[in-house]
Amino acid sequence: MSILAVGVILLSAILVNAAAQPLTDPTGDLLDSEGKPTAGEPYLDIIEVGLSQDGNNFVGTIKFNDNVPSKTSDPSVFIEWSLMIDSDRNPSTHPWGSWPLTVNDIGVDYMVELCADGSSRWGRIYDGPHDTLRGGNAKVQGNTITVTFSPSDIGGSTNFDYVALIRKYGQAGAPDALSVFDKAPNSGHYAFQATVNVTQTTTTTALSEQRLPSLPMEFTHATVYYNKGNEARARDMGDAFEYAYDHLEQDFPASPSGKFKLYVYKTRADLIQGLIAFSGMSPSQAEWYRQTGATPRPIRNIMHVSPNFGWHDVAHELTHTFIQEYSGDAYWQIKWLDEGLAGYEEWRCVLTDRAHSKEAEEFRQNSWQAFSELKTRGGPYPLNELTTDSQWTKLMEGGKSWYIYSEAFVVVAYLSSTYTPNKVIPILKKVEVGIAPPEAVKTVLGTTQEEILDAVGKASQSAIFQVSTATTTLVTTTSIIGLSTVTSTAPATTTQEPLTTTSPTSATTQEASVTTRSTEEGTSTQPPTELMLAGAVVVAVAAVGVIVVRSRKKTSSSS
């Protein structure tokens, strides 16, 4: 498009928006992830875009070729209907990421949108300069979406450029799973200028938000937010984070970019509210975490610290962020290595801290016990059955959570003692560039997954973990690495709430003093020996597909 044509679009947009008139967009212009024409649902096809000023607020409308659904028919599908806003009218500043295929020539600073998944739809706002998500005002009437926002929602700007963008993703919103999108305009951008001065306004904080952690405590790589009276707990979690961060920097060639935010909650109810307020989750998604007692892995450098978290949980979840920083979304395709590395790194990290080393040893012993039991029941799971997210999820939903986590940990411990972590971690990089996991393992280590599992099955505990097992005993009633029960080293100021679970055996397991581990995928329960030998089934629900609820800030080379 010529410079003159772009200028006409900009001038028209300014004039039309000032008059609150809609801008039309051609129908049937949907594109795929490569920018090629494709087919899609009519409610993804933009036909009109409007933006007007209503007092101190801006009101944006996007009209489609069909009515907007209340949720997606496929639970693996995630949709975003967005106004992508360049608040400073500077294409070179783009905290959301640079993706000309979808946003043309603007640098996206903020995003005001409606989202939908298999359970509900909700409004939210992405704040690029602060890299945060929060709830937004979005309404639907038939085939029209209306979003209302204020200058304070977009950095105080009253004159800005924007593009309407609709995206449909598979894999519950994985950034690399874009299948269909539409944008308006198809090239260039719209511009908006307020017709009168807009007064900055503040929003009264709801009572539930006032209870959320807000007092900051600074650490080298993180700011920890806490409630008054919870300082000791915040300091302990901050120390745990920094200890794990320093440890992980020794094993991974890349560290997460940007400073983390840790929200240290006093109750599970506060955590659920925090998922909505700080990470932009929908109420229905946050409700899932309330029901299961699970806690998500860090979302865009935000770690939600459950009242039940110990040093082990912090190390485990931070490892996932290091993995993603190093190899993008490869973890979706090789879950046994993703979870195995998280377990291995948390064990090694906490083992070196004198105050927590006993808990690390208990975790190792319990994991070995679970793996040994698998061997007596027909052998461990083939690694090609623990590869994809869907495979992992299916086994967790079948009550096999503790066994697959334990197997993954033991396998990675064997590989690390045999080849060193620096040799094992590059497997992720091979998977990231599209090499199938079995081939990636063979390329990096020179052996097959089948040969690895066979060797692990024959190896002794002392050989795998490089420790003496002469005096070890299985511990089943105390907190262990990564567990959600309170450890002996937890500050006295920590407020605890019992985990809730949808498992029909929850009452039995509580009476039996089981240890429960809260991970980003769900609640995994390690039963005492007598229950394990009886073959007790523990229900755990996977959340990997659900927790990737985040702005599509590109992490690939297209960023």
Protein backbone atom coordinates (compact mmCIF):
# COMPACT_ATOMS: atom_id res chain seq x y z
CA MET A 1 0.00 0.00 0.00
CA SER A 2 1.34 3.46 -0.86
CA ILE A 3 2.18 6.11 1.70
CA LEU A 4 -0.67 8.21 0.34
CA ALA A 5 -3.14 5.35 0.82
CA VAL A 6 -1.99 4.83 4.41
CA GLY A 7 -2.43 8.52 5.02
CA VAL A 8 -6.00 8.35 3.72
CA ILE A 9 -6.80 5.48 6.09
CA LEU A 10 -5.35 7.38 9.06
CA LEU A 11 -7.19 10.60 8.23
CA SER A 12 -10.47 8.78 7.64
CA ALA A 13 -10.12 6.87 10.89
CA ILE A 14 -9.58 10.02 12.88
CA LEU A 15 -12.54 11.80 11.33
CA VAL A 16 -14.90 8.82 11.46
CA ASN A 17 -14.02 7.90 15.02
CA ALA A 18 -14.61 11.48 16.12
CA ALA A 19 -18.10 11.15 14.70
CA ALA A 20 -18.53 7.71 16.30
CA GLN A 21 -19.22 6.11 12.91
CA PRO A 22 -18.23 2.49 12.21
CA LEU A 23 -15.42 1.46 9.87
CA THR A 24 -16.21 -1.46 7.59
CA ASP A 25 -14.04 -4.50 6.87
CA PRO A 26 -14.44 -7.00 3.99
CA THR A 27 -16.04 -10.35 4.78
CA GLY A 28 -14.40 -13.65 3.97
CA ASP A 29 -10.87 -12.38 4.66
CA LEU A 30 -9.81 -14.84 7.39
CA LEU A 31 -6.15 -15.91 7.42
CA ASP A 32 -4.14 -18.80 8.90
CA SER A 33 -0.95 -18.58 10.97
CA GLU A 34 1.09 -18.07 7.80
CA GLY A 35 -1.11 -15.30 6.48
CA LYS A 36 -2.78 -17.47 3.85
CA PRO A 37 -6.54 -17.30 3.19
CA THR A 38 -8.50 -19.87 5.16
CA ALA A 39 -12.01 -20.75 6.31
CA GLY A 40 -13.38 -20.21 9.79
CA GLU A 41 -16.47 -19.53 11.85
CA PRO A 42 -18.45 -16.42 10.83
CA TYR A 43 -18.15 -15.00 14.37
CA LEU A 44 -14.41 -14.60 13.70
CA ASP A 45 -15.00 -12.49 10.60
CA ILE A 46 -14.96 -8.73 11.31
CA ILE A 47 -17.42 -6.62 9.35
CA GLU A 48 -17.38 -3.32 11.31
CA VAL A 49 -15.16 -1.57 13.86
CA GLY A 50 -16.09 1.51 15.85
CA LEU A 51 -14.47 3.57 18.60
CA SER A 52 -16.06 6.54 20.34
CA GLN A 53 -15.74 8.66 23.44
CA ASP A 54 -18.35 8.54 26.20
CA GLY A 55 -17.50 11.08 28.86
CA ASN A 56 -14.25 9.97 30.46
CA ASN A 57 -14.34 6.53 28.83
CA PHE A 58 -13.70 5.07 25.41
CA VAL A 59 -16.19 2.61 23.91
CA GLY A 60 -15.01 0.23 21.23
CA THR A 61 -17.31 -2.01 19.16
CA ILE A 62 -16.49 -4.89 16.85
CA LYS A 63 -19.26 -6.43 14.74
CA PHE A 64 -19.03 -9.90 13.19
CA ASN A 65 -20.69 -11.96 10.51
CA ASP A 66 -22.54 -14.06 13.12
CA ASN A 67 -23.46 -14.04 16.80
CA VAL A 68 -20.61 -14.31 19.28
CA PRO A 69 -20.79 -17.60 21.27
CA SER A 70 -20.92 -17.70 25.06
CA LYS A 71 -18.09 -20.27 25.04
CA THR A 72 -16.19 -22.37 22.54
CA SER A 73 -17.68 -25.69 21.48
CA ASP A 74 -14.26 -27.35 21.71
CA PRO A 75 -12.61 -27.05 25.17
CA SER A 76 -9.16 -26.99 23.57
CA VAL A 77 -10.00 -23.81 21.64
CA PHE A 78 -9.21 -20.34 23.00
CA ILE A 79 -10.41 -17.15 21.24
CA GLU A 80 -9.47 -13.50 21.69
CA TRP A 81 -11.46 -10.60 20.20
CA SER A 82 -9.16 -7.63 20.73
CA LEU A 83 -8.44 -3.97 20.18
CA MET A 84 -4.64 -3.79 19.91
CA ILE A 85 -3.60 -0.32 21.05
CA ASP A 86 -0.43 1.62 20.30
CA SER A 87 -0.81 4.20 23.05
CA ASP A 88 2.33 6.20 22.25
CA ARG A 89 1.96 5.94 18.46
CA ASN A 90 5.49 4.57 18.28
CA PRO A 91 5.87 1.29 16.34
CA SER A 92 9.33 0.73 17.80
CA THR A 93 7.92 0.28 21.33
CA HIS A 94 5.99 -2.96 21.48
CA PRO A 95 6.05 -4.76 24.87
CA TRP A 96 3.43 -7.23 23.56
CA GLY A 97 5.85 -8.19 20.81
CA SER A 98 6.33 -7.28 17.15
CA TRP A 99 4.08 -9.35 14.90
CA PRO A 100 3.34 -7.41 11.69
CA LEU A 101 1.39 -10.32 10.22
CA THR A 102 -1.40 -9.68 12.75
CA VAL A 103 -1.07 -6.02 13.81
CA ASN A 104 0.39 -4.45 10.68
CA ASP A 105 2.55 -1.41 11.44
CA ILE A 106 1.74 -0.57 15.07
CA GLY A 107 3.67 -1.32 18.26
CA VAL A 108 1.17 -2.82 20.69
CA ASP A 109 1.35 -1.37 24.20
CA TYR A 110 -2.09 -2.41 25.47
CA MET A 111 -4.80 -4.87 24.54
CA VAL A 112 -8.50 -4.53 25.43
CA GLU A 113 -10.42 -7.69 24.67
CA LEU A 114 -13.03 -10.37 25.17
CA CYS A 115 -11.80 -13.94 25.64
CA ALA A 116 -13.61 -17.28 25.45
CA ASP A 117 -12.72 -20.88 26.17
CA GLY A 118 -14.70 -24.07 26.63
CA SER A 119 -16.30 -22.91 29.87
CA SER A 120 -17.03 -19.17 29.60
CA ARG A 121 -16.09 -15.79 28.19
CA TRP A 122 -14.68 -12.76 29.99
CA GLY A 123 -13.16 -9.34 29.45
CA ARG A 124 -9.59 -8.41 30.26
CA ILE A 125 -6.91 -5.79 29.62
CA TYR A 126 -3.26 -6.47 28.91
CA ASP A 127 -0.90 -3.78 30.25
CA GLY A 128 2.28 -4.16 28.19
CA PRO A 129 4.54 -1.65 29.98
CA HIS A 130 3.84 -3.45 33.28
CA ASP A 131 3.42 -6.90 31.68
CA THR A 132 0.23 -7.63 33.62
CA LEU A 133 -3.32 -8.78 32.93
CA ARG A 134 -6.44 -7.63 34.75
CA GLY A 135 -10.16 -7.87 34.34
CA GLY A 136 -11.86 -5.68 31.73
CA ASN A 137 -15.37 -4.47 30.82
CA ALA A 138 -16.59 -6.42 27.77
CA LYS A 139 -20.19 -7.11 26.76
CA VAL A 140 -21.81 -9.06 23.95
CA GLN A 141 -25.10 -8.42 22.20
CA GLY A 142 -25.75 -10.72 19.28
CA ASN A 143 -22.94 -10.28 16.76
CA THR A 144 -21.41 -7.22 18.45
CA ILE A 145 -18.75 -6.98 21.16
CA THR A 146 -18.48 -3.75 23.16
CA VAL A 147 -15.42 -2.98 25.29
CA THR A 148 -15.29 0.01 27.60
CA PHE A 149 -12.01 1.37 28.94
CA SER A 150 -10.53 4.59 30.30
CA PRO A 151 -7.31 6.49 29.54
CA SER A 152 -5.84 5.12 32.75
CA ASP A 153 -6.28 1.61 31.34
CA ILE A 154 -3.97 2.45 28.44
CA GLY A 155 -1.26 4.52 30.11
CA GLY A 156 -3.19 7.79 30.17
CA SER A 157 -3.30 8.11 26.39
CA THR A 158 -6.18 9.93 24.70
CA ASN A 159 -4.69 9.88 21.18
CA PHE A 160 -3.61 6.47 19.93
CA ASP A 161 -3.43 4.09 16.98
CA TYR A 162 -5.13 0.70 16.97
CA VAL A 163 -5.97 -2.45 15.04
CA ALA A 164 -8.90 -4.82 15.67
CA LEU A 165 -7.60 -8.39 15.86
CA ILE A 166 -9.43 -11.69 16.36
CA ARG A 167 -7.45 -14.88 17.02
CA LYS A 168 -8.48 -18.49 17.39
CA TYR A 169 -6.00 -20.88 19.04
CA GLY A 170 -5.87 -24.60 19.63
CA GLN A 171 -4.11 -26.35 22.53
CA ALA A 172 -5.99 -24.19 25.05
CA GLY A 173 -4.31 -21.03 23.80
CA ALA A 174 -0.71 -22.13 23.28
CA PRO A 175 1.10 -19.23 21.54
CA ASP A 176 2.23 -21.41 18.64
CA ALA A 177 -1.23 -22.92 18.07
CA LEU A 178 -2.83 -20.01 16.16
CA SER A 179 -5.21 -21.46 13.56
CA VAL A 180 -7.32 -18.54 12.28
CA PHE A 181 -7.24 -14.76 12.58
CA ASP A 182 -8.86 -11.66 11.13
CA LYS A 183 -7.78 -8.05 11.45
CA ALA A 184 -9.11 -4.63 10.55
CA PRO A 185 -7.81 -2.79 8.70
CA ASN A 186 -6.06 -5.38 6.55
CA SER A 187 -3.08 -3.03 6.26
CA GLY A 188 -2.06 0.14 8.06
CA HIS A 189 -4.02 1.08 11.16
CA TYR A 190 -6.83 3.22 12.56
CA ALA A 191 -6.14 6.30 14.65
CA PHE A 192 -8.19 7.84 17.44
CA GLN A 193 -8.11 11.31 18.94
CA ALA A 194 -10.32 12.41 21.80
CA THR A 195 -12.72 15.17 20.83
CA VAL A 196 -12.58 16.84 24.27
CA ASN A 197 -10.22 16.72 27.21
CA VAL A 198 -10.60 13.55 29.23
CA THR A 199 -10.28 13.71 32.99
CA GLN A 200 -8.21 11.00 34.61
CA THR A 201 -10.31 8.97 37.01
CA THR A 202 -9.55 6.33 39.59
CA THR A 203 -11.54 3.22 40.32
CA THR A 204 -12.64 2.30 43.81
CA THR A 205 -10.99 -0.92 44.87
CA ALA A 206 -13.38 -3.74 45.72
CA LEU A 207 -13.25 -5.19 49.20
CA SER A 208 -11.93 -8.53 47.88
CA GLU A 209 -9.07 -6.69 46.11
CA GLN A 210 -8.16 -4.83 49.30
CA ARG A 211 -7.36 -8.18 50.90
CA LEU A 212 -4.88 -9.12 48.19
CA PRO A 213 -1.12 -8.81 48.77
CA SER A 214 0.00 -5.24 48.05
CA LEU A 215 3.00 -4.45 50.28
CA PRO A 216 6.25 -4.83 48.29
CA MET A 217 9.47 -6.48 49.46
CA GLU A 218 12.37 -6.22 47.03
CA PHE A 219 14.76 -9.02 46.16
CA THR A 220 17.40 -9.27 43.44
CA HIS A 221 15.23 -11.06 40.88
CA ALA A 222 11.75 -10.53 42.27
CA THR A 223 9.39 -8.21 44.06
CA VAL A 224 7.39 -10.08 46.67
CA TYR A 225 3.94 -8.72 47.52
CA TYR A 226 2.38 -9.59 50.87
CA ASN A 227 -0.23 -8.56 53.44
CA LYS A 228 0.54 -6.71 56.63
CA GLY A 229 1.42 -9.25 59.31
CA ASN A 230 2.77 -11.75 56.76
CA GLU A 231 6.27 -10.28 56.47
CA ALA A 232 8.12 -13.37 57.74
CA ARG A 233 6.36 -15.62 55.25
CA ALA A 234 7.09 -13.17 52.40
CA ARG A 235 10.76 -12.99 53.33
CA ASP A 236 11.02 -16.78 53.48
CA MET A 237 9.43 -17.19 50.04
CA GLY A 238 11.64 -14.45 48.63
CA ASP A 239 14.71 -16.22 50.04
CA ALA A 240 13.48 -19.51 48.55
CA PHE A 241 13.04 -17.85 45.16
CA GLU A 242 16.51 -16.29 45.13
CA TYR A 243 18.12 -19.54 46.32
CA ALA A 244 16.40 -21.48 43.54
CA TYR A 245 17.17 -18.80 40.95
CA ASP A 246 20.90 -18.90 41.75
CA HIS A 247 20.86 -22.69 41.59
CA LEU A 248 19.05 -22.86 38.26
CA GLU A 249 21.40 -20.34 36.66
CA GLN A 250 24.16 -22.93 37.09
CA ASP A 251 22.32 -25.52 34.97
CA PHE A 252 20.45 -23.48 32.35
CA PRO A 253 22.16 -21.39 29.65
CA ALA A 254 19.34 -18.82 29.67
CA SER A 255 17.69 -17.04 32.58
CA PRO A 256 14.16 -15.58 32.51
CA SER A 257 14.05 -12.02 31.22
CA GLY A 258 12.57 -9.37 33.47
CA LYS A 259 11.92 -9.26 37.18
CA PHE A 260 9.37 -11.59 38.75
CA LYS A 261 6.39 -10.74 40.89
CA LEU A 262 5.55 -13.12 43.73
CA TYR A 263 2.15 -12.76 45.37
CA VAL A 264 2.23 -14.43 48.77
CA TYR A 265 -1.30 -15.23 49.89
CA LYS A 266 -2.58 -15.82 53.39
CA THR A 267 -5.55 -17.94 52.30
CA ARG A 268 -6.57 -20.03 49.32
CA ALA A 269 -9.56 -17.74 48.81
CA ASP A 270 -7.20 -14.80 48.35
CA LEU A 271 -5.14 -16.79 45.86
CA ILE A 272 -8.21 -17.47 43.75
CA GLN A 273 -9.00 -13.75 43.67
CA GLY A 274 -5.37 -13.05 42.80
CA LEU A 275 -5.53 -15.32 39.75
CA ILE A 276 -8.32 -13.09 38.42
CA ALA A 277 -6.85 -9.74 39.48
CA PHE A 278 -3.18 -10.29 38.63
CA SER A 279 -3.19 -12.90 35.85
CA GLY A 280 -6.45 -12.12 34.09
CA MET A 281 -8.10 -15.49 34.60
CA SER A 282 -11.82 -15.83 34.14
CA PRO A 283 -13.89 -16.58 37.26
CA SER A 284 -14.63 -20.08 35.96
CA GLN A 285 -10.95 -20.83 35.46
CA ALA A 286 -10.09 -19.52 38.90
CA GLU A 287 -12.91 -21.65 40.32
CA TRP A 288 -11.20 -24.75 38.94
CA TYR A 289 -8.17 -23.97 41.10
CA ARG A 290 -10.39 -23.44 44.12
CA GLN A 291 -12.02 -26.83 43.66
CA THR A 292 -8.82 -28.80 43.03
CA GLY A 293 -6.40 -27.01 45.35
CA ALA A 294 -3.93 -26.67 42.48
CA THR A 295 -1.72 -23.66 41.81
CA PRO A 296 -0.57 -22.61 38.31
CA ARG A 297 3.02 -22.45 37.16
CA PRO A 298 4.32 -18.85 36.79
CA ILE A 299 2.29 -16.86 34.26
CA ARG A 300 4.28 -14.14 32.50
CA ASN A 301 6.79 -13.90 35.38
CA ILE A 302 4.03 -13.82 38.00
CA MET A 303 4.21 -16.57 40.62
CA HIS A 304 1.16 -17.15 42.79
CA VAL A 305 2.47 -18.48 46.10
CA SER A 306 -0.09 -20.68 47.82
CA PRO A 307 -0.28 -20.69 51.63
CA ASN A 308 0.91 -24.31 51.37
CA PHE A 309 4.04 -23.59 49.34
CA GLY A 310 7.46 -24.52 50.67
CA TRP A 311 10.90 -23.97 49.24
CA HIS A 312 10.43 -27.04 47.06
CA ASP A 313 7.31 -25.73 45.34
CA VAL A 314 9.03 -22.44 44.55
CA ALA A 315 12.03 -24.26 43.04
CA HIS A 316 9.80 -26.62 41.05
CA GLU A 317 7.67 -23.87 39.53
CA LEU A 318 10.62 -21.60 38.82
CA THR A 319 12.29 -24.45 36.94
CA HIS A 320 9.35 -24.49 34.53
CA THR A 321 9.98 -20.82 33.74
CA PHE A 322 13.68 -21.50 33.09
CA ILE A 323 12.65 -24.34 30.77
CA GLN A 324 10.29 -22.08 28.84
CA GLU A 325 12.87 -19.29 28.63
CA TYR A 326 15.39 -21.74 27.18
CA SER A 327 13.17 -23.71 24.81
CA GLY A 328 9.87 -21.87 24.36
CA ASP A 329 6.86 -24.17 24.23
CA ALA A 330 8.85 -27.38 23.71
CA TYR A 331 7.64 -28.61 27.09
CA TRP A 332 4.19 -29.28 25.59
CA GLN A 333 5.74 -32.03 23.47
CA ILE A 334 8.03 -33.74 25.99
CA LYS A 335 6.27 -33.69 29.34
CA TRP A 336 8.35 -36.40 31.00
CA LEU A 337 11.45 -34.23 30.58
CA ASP A 338 9.65 -31.02 31.57
CA GLU A 339 8.28 -32.46 34.81
CA GLY A 340 11.29 -34.66 35.42
CA LEU A 341 13.65 -31.70 35.24
CA ALA A 342 11.42 -29.66 37.56
CA GLY A 343 11.46 -32.50 40.09
CA TYR A 344 15.19 -33.10 39.73
CA GLU A 345 16.15 -29.44 40.02
CA GLU A 346 13.95 -28.85 43.07
CA TRP A 347 15.45 -31.91 44.76
CA ARG A 348 19.05 -30.90 44.05
CA CYS A 349 18.41 -27.26 44.92
CA VAL A 350 16.77 -27.86 48.27
CA LEU A 351 19.15 -30.72 49.12
CA THR A 352 21.98 -28.19 49.30
CA ASP A 353 20.17 -26.04 51.86
CA ARG A 354 20.83 -27.38 55.33
CA ALA A 355 17.49 -26.26 56.73
CA HIS A 356 15.54 -28.17 54.05
CA SER A 357 17.80 -31.06 53.07
CA LYS A 358 15.85 -33.59 55.13
CA GLU A 359 12.69 -32.82 53.20
CA ALA A 360 14.58 -33.27 49.93
CA GLU A 361 15.72 -36.71 51.03
CA GLU A 362 12.19 -37.66 51.98
CA PHE A 363 11.01 -36.66 48.52
CA ARG A 364 13.68 -38.81 46.90
CA GLN A 365 12.79 -41.82 49.03
CA ASN A 366 9.07 -41.54 48.35
CA SER A 367 9.65 -41.10 44.63
CA TRP A 368 11.85 -44.16 44.54
CA GLN A 369 9.20 -46.14 46.39
CA ALA A 370 6.58 -45.18 43.78
CA PHE A 371 8.93 -46.06 40.92
CA SER A 372 9.80 -49.40 42.53
CA GLU A 373 6.13 -50.20 42.84
CA LEU A 374 5.66 -49.48 39.15
CA LYS A 375 8.36 -52.01 38.35
CA THR A 376 6.51 -54.69 40.31
CA ARG A 377 3.26 -53.90 38.46
CA GLY A 378 4.43 -54.62 34.96
CA GLY A 379 7.11 -52.00 34.59
CA PRO A 380 7.21 -48.21 34.34
CA TYR A 381 5.36 -46.33 31.61
CA PRO A 382 7.12 -46.20 28.23
CA LEU A 383 8.44 -42.68 27.75
CA ASN A 384 6.59 -42.34 24.46
CA GLU A 385 3.40 -42.57 26.55
CA LEU A 386 4.52 -39.66 28.75
CA THR A 387 5.42 -37.33 25.91
CA THR A 388 2.51 -35.09 24.94
CA ASP A 389 0.39 -32.93 27.17
CA SER A 390 -2.71 -34.93 26.29
CA GLN A 391 -1.02 -38.21 27.29
CA TRP A 392 0.12 -36.71 30.59
CA THR A 393 -3.32 -35.29 31.27
CA LYS A 394 -5.08 -38.58 30.57
CA LEU A 395 -2.89 -40.47 33.03
CA MET A 396 -3.36 -37.82 35.70
CA GLU A 397 -7.11 -37.95 35.29
CA GLY A 398 -6.83 -41.71 35.66
CA GLY A 399 -5.31 -41.33 39.13
CA LYS A 400 -1.70 -42.03 38.07
CA SER A 401 -0.34 -38.61 38.93
CA TRP A 402 2.08 -39.58 41.68
CA TYR A 403 3.50 -42.46 39.65
CA ILE A 404 4.20 -40.49 36.48
CA TYR A 405 5.75 -37.58 38.39
CA SER A 406 7.94 -40.02 40.30
CA GLU A 407 8.97 -41.89 37.17
CA ALA A 408 9.85 -38.67 35.36
CA PHE A 409 11.96 -37.53 38.32
CA VAL A 410 13.80 -40.85 38.61
CA VAL A 411 14.49 -41.00 34.85
CA VAL A 412 15.89 -37.48 34.75
CA ALA A 413 17.94 -38.13 37.89
CA TYR A 414 19.45 -41.16 36.12
CA LEU A 415 20.18 -39.16 32.96
CA SER A 416 21.71 -36.32 34.97
CA SER A 417 23.97 -38.62 36.98
CA THR A 418 24.98 -40.46 33.80
CA TYR A 419 25.38 -37.54 31.37
CA THR A 420 25.19 -34.39 33.62
CA PRO A 421 22.29 -31.88 33.43
CA ASN A 422 24.18 -29.76 30.89
CA LYS A 423 24.00 -32.70 28.49
CA VAL A 424 20.34 -33.51 29.15
CA ILE A 425 18.81 -30.03 28.93
CA PRO A 426 19.72 -29.49 25.22
CA ILE A 427 17.15 -32.16 24.32
CA LEU A 428 14.56 -29.43 24.86
CA LYS A 429 16.22 -27.23 22.26
CA LYS A 430 16.00 -29.99 19.66
CA VAL A 431 12.30 -30.43 20.37
CA GLU A 432 11.75 -26.66 20.10
CA VAL A 433 12.97 -26.65 16.48
CA GLY A 434 10.58 -29.45 15.54
CA ILE A 435 12.57 -32.64 16.09
CA ALA A 436 10.41 -35.44 17.51
CA PRO A 437 11.27 -36.26 21.16
CA PRO A 438 12.59 -39.82 20.49
CA GLU A 439 14.88 -38.51 17.76
CA ALA A 440 15.94 -35.54 19.90
CA VAL A 441 16.92 -37.88 22.74
CA LYS A 442 18.87 -40.14 20.38
CA THR A 443 20.63 -37.18 18.74
CA VAL A 444 21.74 -35.60 22.01
CA LEU A 445 22.48 -38.66 24.16
CA GLY A 446 23.22 -41.30 21.54
CA THR A 447 20.75 -43.76 23.00
CA THR A 448 17.03 -44.45 22.66
CA GLN A 449 14.23 -43.78 25.11
CA GLU A 450 13.62 -47.53 25.38
CA GLU A 451 17.27 -48.18 26.23
CA ILE A 452 17.18 -45.39 28.80
CA LEU A 453 14.13 -46.79 30.57
CA ASP A 454 15.63 -50.27 30.55
CA ALA A 455 18.83 -48.95 32.13
CA VAL A 456 16.89 -47.00 34.77
CA GLY A 457 14.94 -50.14 35.67
CA LYS A 458 18.16 -52.05 36.30
CA ALA A 459 20.01 -49.28 38.14
CA SER A 460 20.21 -49.07 41.92
CA GLN A 461 18.96 -46.12 43.92
CA SER A 462 22.51 -45.26 45.01
CA ALA A 463 23.71 -45.26 41.40
CA ILE A 464 20.88 -43.03 40.19
CA PHE A 465 21.01 -40.50 43.00
CA GLN A 466 24.68 -40.99 43.89
CA VAL A 467 23.89 -41.30 47.57
CA SER A 468 24.17 -44.03 50.17
CA THR A 469 20.89 -45.82 50.86
CA ALA A 470 22.07 -48.00 53.75
CA THR A 471 20.07 -46.15 56.37
CA THR A 472 17.25 -44.63 54.33
CA THR A 473 13.65 -45.26 55.30
CA LEU A 474 10.43 -44.34 53.58
CA VAL A 475 8.71 -41.32 55.07
CA THR A 476 5.02 -40.99 54.39
CA THR A 477 3.55 -38.63 56.95
CA THR A 478 5.75 -35.52 56.82
CA SER A 479 6.06 -32.76 54.30
CA ILE A 480 8.49 -33.44 51.48
CA ILE A 481 9.95 -31.51 48.59
CA GLY A 482 7.32 -29.70 46.62
CA LEU A 483 4.51 -30.70 49.00
CA SER A 484 1.61 -28.47 49.84
CA THR A 485 1.50 -29.41 53.53
CA VAL A 486 3.22 -27.12 56.03
CA THR A 487 6.90 -27.92 56.55
CA SER A 488 8.71 -27.68 59.85
CA THR A 489 10.63 -24.69 58.50
CA ALA A 490 7.58 -22.67 57.50
CA PRO A 491 7.25 -19.35 59.35
CA ALA A 492 4.90 -19.29 62.26
CA THR A 493 3.00 -16.42 60.68
CA THR A 494 1.79 -18.52 57.76
CA THR A 495 -1.96 -18.92 57.61
CA GLN A 496 -2.93 -22.33 56.33
CA GLU A 497 -6.14 -23.64 54.83
CA PRO A 498 -6.82 -27.29 54.10
CA LEU A 499 -6.78 -28.24 50.44
CA THR A 500 -10.14 -29.02 48.92
CA THR A 501 -10.38 -31.77 46.36
CA THR A 502 -13.07 -33.32 44.27
CA SER A 503 -11.69 -36.76 44.96
CA PRO A 504 -14.30 -39.07 46.51
CA THR A 505 -11.51 -40.55 48.62
CA SER A 506 -10.49 -37.23 50.18
CA ALA A 507 -11.85 -38.04 53.63
CA THR A 508 -10.02 -41.37 53.68
CA THR A 509 -6.74 -39.88 52.57
CA GLN A 510 -6.92 -37.12 55.16
CA GLU A 511 -7.39 -39.65 57.92
CA ALA A 512 -4.45 -41.64 56.59
CA SER A 513 -2.15 -38.58 56.78
CA VAL A 514 -1.22 -38.59 53.14
CA THR A 515 1.15 -36.03 51.73
CA THR A 516 -0.32 -33.85 49.00
CA ARG A 517 1.67 -32.05 46.37
CA SER A 518 0.18 -29.04 44.60
CA THR A 519 1.60 -28.53 41.12
CA GLU A 520 0.58 -26.44 38.16
CA GLU A 521 -1.21 -29.44 36.64
CA GLY A 522 -3.33 -30.37 39.62
CA THR A 523 -3.24 -31.98 43.01
CA SER A 524 -1.08 -35.08 43.17
CA THR A 525 -1.40 -37.26 46.23
CA GLN A 526 1.32 -39.60 47.52
CA PRO A 527 -0.41 -42.21 49.74
CA PRO A 528 1.20 -43.99 52.67
CA THR A 529 2.80 -47.36 51.97
CA GLU A 530 -0.19 -49.37 53.13
CA LEU A 531 -2.52 -47.48 50.81
CA MET A 532 -0.09 -47.77 47.90
CA LEU A 533 0.16 -51.50 48.35
CA ALA A 534 -3.61 -51.68 48.43
CA GLY A 535 -3.67 -49.97 45.11
CA ALA A 536 -5.49 -46.85 46.24
CA VAL A 537 -6.46 -44.57 43.39
CA VAL A 538 -5.86 -40.86 43.80
CA VAL A 539 -7.83 -38.46 41.67
CA ALA A 540 -5.91 -35.55 40.18
CA VAL A 541 -7.10 -33.20 37.50
CA ALA A 542 -4.70 -31.74 34.96
CA ALA A 543 -4.64 -28.00 34.42
CA VAL A 544 -1.88 -27.53 31.88
CA GLY A 545 -4.33 -26.85 29.07
CA VAL A 546 -6.30 -24.45 31.22
CA ILE A 547 -3.53 -22.46 32.84
CA VAL A 548 -2.08 -21.07 29.74
CA VAL A 549 -4.37 -18.12 30.05
CA ARG A 550 -2.24 -15.27 28.99
CA SER A 551 -1.73 -12.62 26.40
CA ARG A 552 -0.27 -13.95 23.22
CA LYS A 553 3.09 -12.24 23.63
CA LYS A 554 5.23 -14.03 21.06
CA THR A 555 8.33 -15.83 22.28
CA SER A 556 9.47 -17.09 18.90
CA SER A 557 11.73 -15.44 16.36
CA SER A 558 8.71 -13.54 15.02
CA SER A 559 8.60 -11.44 18.18
